[in-house]
Amino acid sequence: MKLLRLTLLTLLILALLLVASIISFSIGMAQFESAQPQFSWLQWGCDAVVGLLTWPTRWLWTPWASTHLPNSFEWLLLLVNCGLWALLINCAAHWVTRGASR
């Protein structure tokens, strides 16, 4: 049961990360093509979500790694990163519910 919950949470975090990336990129491209770019709270929020959810492992993907390692390794690293976030969220939820039952 815990493995299923972690897997589903990992996939949910991955989906959130991909959707936030696409939204941020879309808004940024629309602003790039317009003559008067405007500040967008939605783009700022999506950038913050992407920055937060890629935080622990984004420093491992360096320019050297980008040129010398296959793209499949980058996707694997992203999946592991989402798994770490799922584990952190699961542990925090367990800690909060265990503390509430005392």
N, C-alpha and C. Protein backbone atom coordinates (compact mmCIF):
# COMPACT_ATOMS: atom_id res chain seq x y z
N MET A 1 0.82 -1.20 0.00
CA MET A 1 0.00 0.00 0.00
C MET A 1 0.86 1.25 0.00
N LYS A 2 1.92 1.24 0.81
CA LYS A 2 2.79 2.42 0.86
C LYS A 2 3.52 2.62 -0.46
N LEU A 3 3.92 1.53 -1.09
CA LEU A 3 4.61 1.63 -2.36
C LEU A 3 3.69 2.20 -3.43
N LEU A 4 2.43 1.78 -3.42
CA LEU A 4 1.46 2.31 -4.37
C LEU A 4 1.24 3.81 -4.13
N ARG A 5 1.12 4.19 -2.86
CA ARG A 5 0.93 5.60 -2.53
C ARG A 5 2.13 6.43 -2.96
N LEU A 6 3.34 5.92 -2.72
CA LEU A 6 4.54 6.64 -3.14
C LEU A 6 4.63 6.74 -4.67
N THR A 7 4.26 5.68 -5.35
CA THR A 7 4.29 5.70 -6.81
C THR A 7 3.30 6.71 -7.37
N LEU A 8 2.08 6.69 -6.85
CA LEU A 8 1.08 7.64 -7.32
C LEU A 8 1.46 9.08 -7.00
N LEU A 9 2.01 9.31 -5.83
CA LEU A 9 2.44 10.65 -5.46
C LEU A 9 3.61 11.11 -6.33
N THR A 10 4.53 10.19 -6.65
CA THR A 10 5.64 10.52 -7.54
C THR A 10 5.12 10.92 -8.91
N LEU A 11 4.17 10.16 -9.45
CA LEU A 11 3.62 10.49 -10.77
C LEU A 11 2.83 11.79 -10.74
N LEU A 12 2.15 12.05 -9.64
CA LEU A 12 1.42 13.31 -9.50
C LEU A 12 2.38 14.50 -9.47
N ILE A 13 3.46 14.36 -8.75
CA ILE A 13 4.46 15.43 -8.68
C ILE A 13 5.11 15.63 -10.05
N LEU A 14 5.41 14.54 -10.74
CA LEU A 14 5.97 14.63 -12.08
C LEU A 14 5.01 15.35 -13.02
N ALA A 15 3.73 15.01 -12.96
CA ALA A 15 2.73 15.67 -13.80
C ALA A 15 2.63 17.15 -13.47
N LEU A 16 2.62 17.50 -12.19
CA LEU A 16 2.58 18.90 -11.78
C LEU A 16 3.79 19.65 -12.30
N LEU A 17 4.94 19.03 -12.21
CA LEU A 17 6.18 19.64 -12.69
C LEU A 17 6.13 19.89 -14.19
N LEU A 18 5.67 18.91 -14.94
CA LEU A 18 5.60 19.06 -16.39
C LEU A 18 4.57 20.10 -16.81
N VAL A 19 3.41 20.10 -16.16
CA VAL A 19 2.37 21.09 -16.49
C VAL A 19 2.85 22.50 -16.15
N ALA A 20 3.47 22.67 -15.00
CA ALA A 20 3.99 23.99 -14.62
C ALA A 20 5.07 24.45 -15.59
N SER A 21 5.90 23.54 -16.05
CA SER A 21 6.94 23.90 -17.03
C SER A 21 6.32 24.34 -18.35
N ILE A 22 5.32 23.62 -18.80
CA ILE A 22 4.67 23.96 -20.06
C ILE A 22 3.96 25.30 -19.97
N ILE A 23 3.25 25.53 -18.87
CA ILE A 23 2.54 26.81 -18.69
C ILE A 23 3.54 27.96 -18.66
N SER A 24 4.60 27.81 -17.89
CA SER A 24 5.60 28.87 -17.79
C SER A 24 6.25 29.15 -19.14
N PHE A 25 6.58 28.10 -19.88
CA PHE A 25 7.20 28.26 -21.19
C PHE A 25 6.23 28.94 -22.16
N SER A 26 4.95 28.54 -22.13
CA SER A 26 3.96 29.12 -23.04
C SER A 26 3.78 30.61 -22.78
N ILE A 27 3.65 30.98 -21.53
CA ILE A 27 3.48 32.40 -21.20
C ILE A 27 4.74 33.17 -21.57
N GLY A 28 5.90 32.60 -21.30
CA GLY A 28 7.15 33.27 -21.64
C GLY A 28 7.31 33.48 -23.13
N MET A 29 6.92 32.50 -23.93
CA MET A 29 7.03 32.64 -25.39
C MET A 29 6.05 33.68 -25.92
N ALA A 30 4.85 33.72 -25.33
CA ALA A 30 3.88 34.73 -25.75
C ALA A 30 4.40 36.14 -25.42
N GLN A 31 5.03 36.28 -24.28
CA GLN A 31 5.59 37.58 -23.91
C GLN A 31 6.79 37.92 -24.79
N PHE A 32 7.55 36.92 -25.15
CA PHE A 32 8.72 37.15 -26.00
C PHE A 32 8.31 37.66 -27.37
N GLU A 33 7.20 37.13 -27.88
CA GLU A 33 6.75 37.52 -29.21
C GLU A 33 5.99 38.84 -29.22
N SER A 34 5.51 39.29 -28.09
CA SER A 34 4.76 40.55 -28.05
C SER A 34 5.73 41.72 -27.92
N ALA A 35 5.25 42.87 -28.32
CA ALA A 35 6.09 44.08 -28.27
C ALA A 35 6.21 44.61 -26.84
N GLN A 36 5.21 44.32 -26.02
CA GLN A 36 5.20 44.83 -24.65
C GLN A 36 5.01 43.68 -23.66
N PRO A 37 6.09 43.05 -23.24
CA PRO A 37 5.94 41.95 -22.28
C PRO A 37 5.39 42.46 -20.95
N GLN A 38 4.49 41.71 -20.36
CA GLN A 38 3.86 42.06 -19.10
C GLN A 38 4.23 41.04 -18.05
N PHE A 39 4.27 41.49 -16.80
CA PHE A 39 4.52 40.58 -15.69
C PHE A 39 3.32 39.66 -15.52
N SER A 40 3.57 38.39 -15.30
CA SER A 40 2.49 37.42 -15.11
C SER A 40 2.70 36.68 -13.79
N TRP A 41 1.71 36.79 -12.93
CA TRP A 41 1.78 36.06 -11.66
C TRP A 41 1.74 34.56 -11.88
N LEU A 42 1.00 34.14 -12.91
CA LEU A 42 0.91 32.72 -13.20
C LEU A 42 2.28 32.17 -13.63
N GLN A 43 2.97 32.91 -14.48
CA GLN A 43 4.29 32.47 -14.89
C GLN A 43 5.25 32.47 -13.71
N TRP A 44 5.18 33.48 -12.88
CA TRP A 44 6.04 33.55 -11.71
C TRP A 44 5.77 32.38 -10.78
N GLY A 45 4.49 32.05 -10.56
CA GLY A 45 4.14 30.92 -9.70
C GLY A 45 4.60 29.59 -10.28
N CYS A 46 4.42 29.42 -11.59
CA CYS A 46 4.87 28.18 -12.24
C CYS A 46 6.38 28.06 -12.19
N ASP A 47 7.09 29.17 -12.39
CA ASP A 47 8.55 29.15 -12.27
C ASP A 47 8.98 28.75 -10.86
N ALA A 48 8.26 29.25 -9.85
CA ALA A 48 8.58 28.91 -8.47
C ALA A 48 8.34 27.43 -8.19
N VAL A 49 7.24 26.89 -8.72
CA VAL A 49 6.93 25.47 -8.54
C VAL A 49 8.01 24.61 -9.20
N VAL A 50 8.38 24.97 -10.43
CA VAL A 50 9.41 24.21 -11.14
C VAL A 50 10.74 24.31 -10.40
N GLY A 51 11.09 25.50 -9.95
CA GLY A 51 12.33 25.67 -9.21
C GLY A 51 12.36 24.86 -7.92
N LEU A 52 11.24 24.83 -7.23
CA LEU A 52 11.17 24.08 -5.97
C LEU A 52 11.22 22.57 -6.21
N LEU A 53 10.43 22.09 -7.17
CA LEU A 53 10.33 20.65 -7.37
C LEU A 53 11.56 20.04 -8.05
N THR A 54 12.37 20.85 -8.68
CA THR A 54 13.61 20.33 -9.27
C THR A 54 14.81 20.64 -8.41
N TRP A 55 14.59 21.18 -7.22
CA TRP A 55 15.68 21.71 -6.41
C TRP A 55 16.80 20.73 -6.07
N PRO A 56 16.55 19.62 -5.44
CA PRO A 56 17.73 18.87 -4.97
C PRO A 56 18.62 18.34 -6.09
N THR A 57 18.04 17.97 -7.20
CA THR A 57 18.87 17.32 -8.22
C THR A 57 19.20 18.19 -9.41
N ARG A 58 18.66 19.39 -9.50
CA ARG A 58 18.96 20.20 -10.68
C ARG A 58 20.42 20.64 -10.70
N TRP A 59 21.07 20.65 -9.54
CA TRP A 59 22.49 21.02 -9.51
C TRP A 59 23.38 19.88 -9.99
N LEU A 60 22.82 18.66 -10.07
CA LEU A 60 23.60 17.54 -10.58
C LEU A 60 23.67 17.53 -12.10
N TRP A 61 22.69 18.17 -12.74
CA TRP A 61 22.66 18.19 -14.20
C TRP A 61 23.42 19.42 -14.68
N THR A 62 24.70 19.26 -14.87
CA THR A 62 25.59 20.35 -15.26
C THR A 62 25.74 20.40 -16.78
N PRO A 63 26.35 21.44 -17.31
CA PRO A 63 26.62 21.46 -18.76
C PRO A 63 27.45 20.26 -19.21
N TRP A 64 28.38 19.81 -18.37
CA TRP A 64 29.15 18.62 -18.73
C TRP A 64 28.25 17.41 -18.85
N ALA A 65 27.36 17.24 -17.88
CA ALA A 65 26.44 16.10 -17.90
C ALA A 65 25.50 16.18 -19.11
N SER A 66 25.12 17.38 -19.47
CA SER A 66 24.22 17.57 -20.60
C SER A 66 24.85 17.13 -21.92
N THR A 67 26.16 17.32 -22.05
CA THR A 67 26.82 16.94 -23.30
C THR A 67 27.36 15.51 -23.29
N HIS A 68 27.63 14.95 -22.13
CA HIS A 68 28.27 13.63 -22.06
C HIS A 68 27.36 12.49 -21.63
N LEU A 69 26.18 12.79 -21.14
CA LEU A 69 25.27 11.74 -20.67
C LEU A 69 24.01 11.74 -21.54
N PRO A 70 23.39 10.59 -21.72
CA PRO A 70 22.19 10.53 -22.56
C PRO A 70 20.99 11.21 -21.89
N ASN A 71 20.04 11.63 -22.71
CA ASN A 71 18.85 12.30 -22.19
C ASN A 71 18.03 11.39 -21.29
N SER A 72 18.10 10.09 -21.52
CA SER A 72 17.36 9.16 -20.67
C SER A 72 17.84 9.24 -19.22
N PHE A 73 19.12 9.54 -19.03
CA PHE A 73 19.64 9.71 -17.68
C PHE A 73 19.03 10.95 -17.02
N GLU A 74 18.83 11.99 -17.80
CA GLU A 74 18.20 13.20 -17.26
C GLU A 74 16.77 12.91 -16.82
N TRP A 75 16.02 12.14 -17.62
CA TRP A 75 14.66 11.79 -17.24
C TRP A 75 14.64 10.90 -16.01
N LEU A 76 15.60 9.99 -15.91
CA LEU A 76 15.70 9.14 -14.73
C LEU A 76 16.00 9.98 -13.49
N LEU A 77 16.88 10.95 -13.63
CA LEU A 77 17.20 11.84 -12.52
C LEU A 77 15.97 12.64 -12.09
N LEU A 78 15.18 13.08 -13.07
CA LEU A 78 13.95 13.82 -12.76
C LEU A 78 12.94 12.92 -12.03
N LEU A 79 12.84 11.68 -12.46
CA LEU A 79 11.93 10.74 -11.81
C LEU A 79 12.38 10.43 -10.38
N VAL A 80 13.68 10.26 -10.18
CA VAL A 80 14.21 10.04 -8.83
C VAL A 80 13.94 11.26 -7.95
N ASN A 81 14.10 12.45 -8.53
CA ASN A 81 13.85 13.68 -7.80
C ASN A 81 12.38 13.75 -7.35
N CYS A 82 11.46 13.42 -8.24
CA CYS A 82 10.04 13.41 -7.88
C CYS A 82 9.76 12.35 -6.82
N GLY A 83 10.46 11.23 -6.90
CA GLY A 83 10.32 10.20 -5.87
C GLY A 83 10.80 10.68 -4.51
N LEU A 84 11.87 11.45 -4.50
CA LEU A 84 12.36 12.02 -3.24
C LEU A 84 11.34 12.98 -2.64
N TRP A 85 10.72 13.80 -3.48
CA TRP A 85 9.69 14.71 -3.00
C TRP A 85 8.49 13.92 -2.46
N ALA A 86 8.11 12.85 -3.16
CA ALA A 86 6.99 12.03 -2.69
C ALA A 86 7.31 11.40 -1.34
N LEU A 87 8.52 10.92 -1.18
CA LEU A 87 8.93 10.34 0.09
C LEU A 87 8.92 11.39 1.20
N LEU A 88 9.40 12.59 0.90
CA LEU A 88 9.39 13.67 1.88
C LEU A 88 7.97 14.04 2.29
N ILE A 89 7.08 14.16 1.32
CA ILE A 89 5.69 14.51 1.61
C ILE A 89 5.02 13.39 2.41
N ASN A 90 5.30 12.15 2.06
CA ASN A 90 4.73 11.01 2.78
C ASN A 90 5.23 10.96 4.22
N CYS A 91 6.52 11.20 4.42
CA CYS A 91 7.07 11.21 5.78
C CYS A 91 6.50 12.36 6.60
N ALA A 92 6.34 13.53 5.98
CA ALA A 92 5.77 14.67 6.69
C ALA A 92 4.32 14.40 7.07
N ALA A 93 3.56 13.80 6.16
CA ALA A 93 2.16 13.47 6.47
C ALA A 93 2.08 12.44 7.59
N HIS A 94 2.98 11.46 7.56
CA HIS A 94 3.00 10.45 8.62
C HIS A 94 3.36 11.09 9.97
N TRP A 95 4.33 11.99 9.96
CA TRP A 95 4.75 12.66 11.18
C TRP A 95 3.63 13.51 11.76
N VAL A 96 2.92 14.22 10.88
CA VAL A 96 1.82 15.08 11.34
C VAL A 96 0.68 14.23 11.90
N THR A 97 0.32 13.15 11.20
CA THR A 97 -0.81 12.34 11.68
C THR A 97 -0.43 11.56 12.93
N ARG A 98 0.83 11.15 13.04
CA ARG A 98 1.27 10.45 14.24
C ARG A 98 1.27 11.41 15.43
N GLY A 99 1.68 12.64 15.18
CA GLY A 99 1.67 13.64 16.26
C GLY A 99 0.26 14.01 16.69
N ALA A 100 -0.68 13.98 15.74
CA ALA A 100 -2.07 14.32 16.07
C ALA A 100 -2.73 13.22 16.89
N SER A 101 -2.25 11.98 16.76
CA SER A 101 -2.88 10.88 17.50
C SER A 101 -2.38 10.76 18.92
N ARG A 102 -1.36 11.50 19.29
CA ARG A 102 -0.83 11.42 20.65
C ARG A 102 -1.67 12.16 21.64
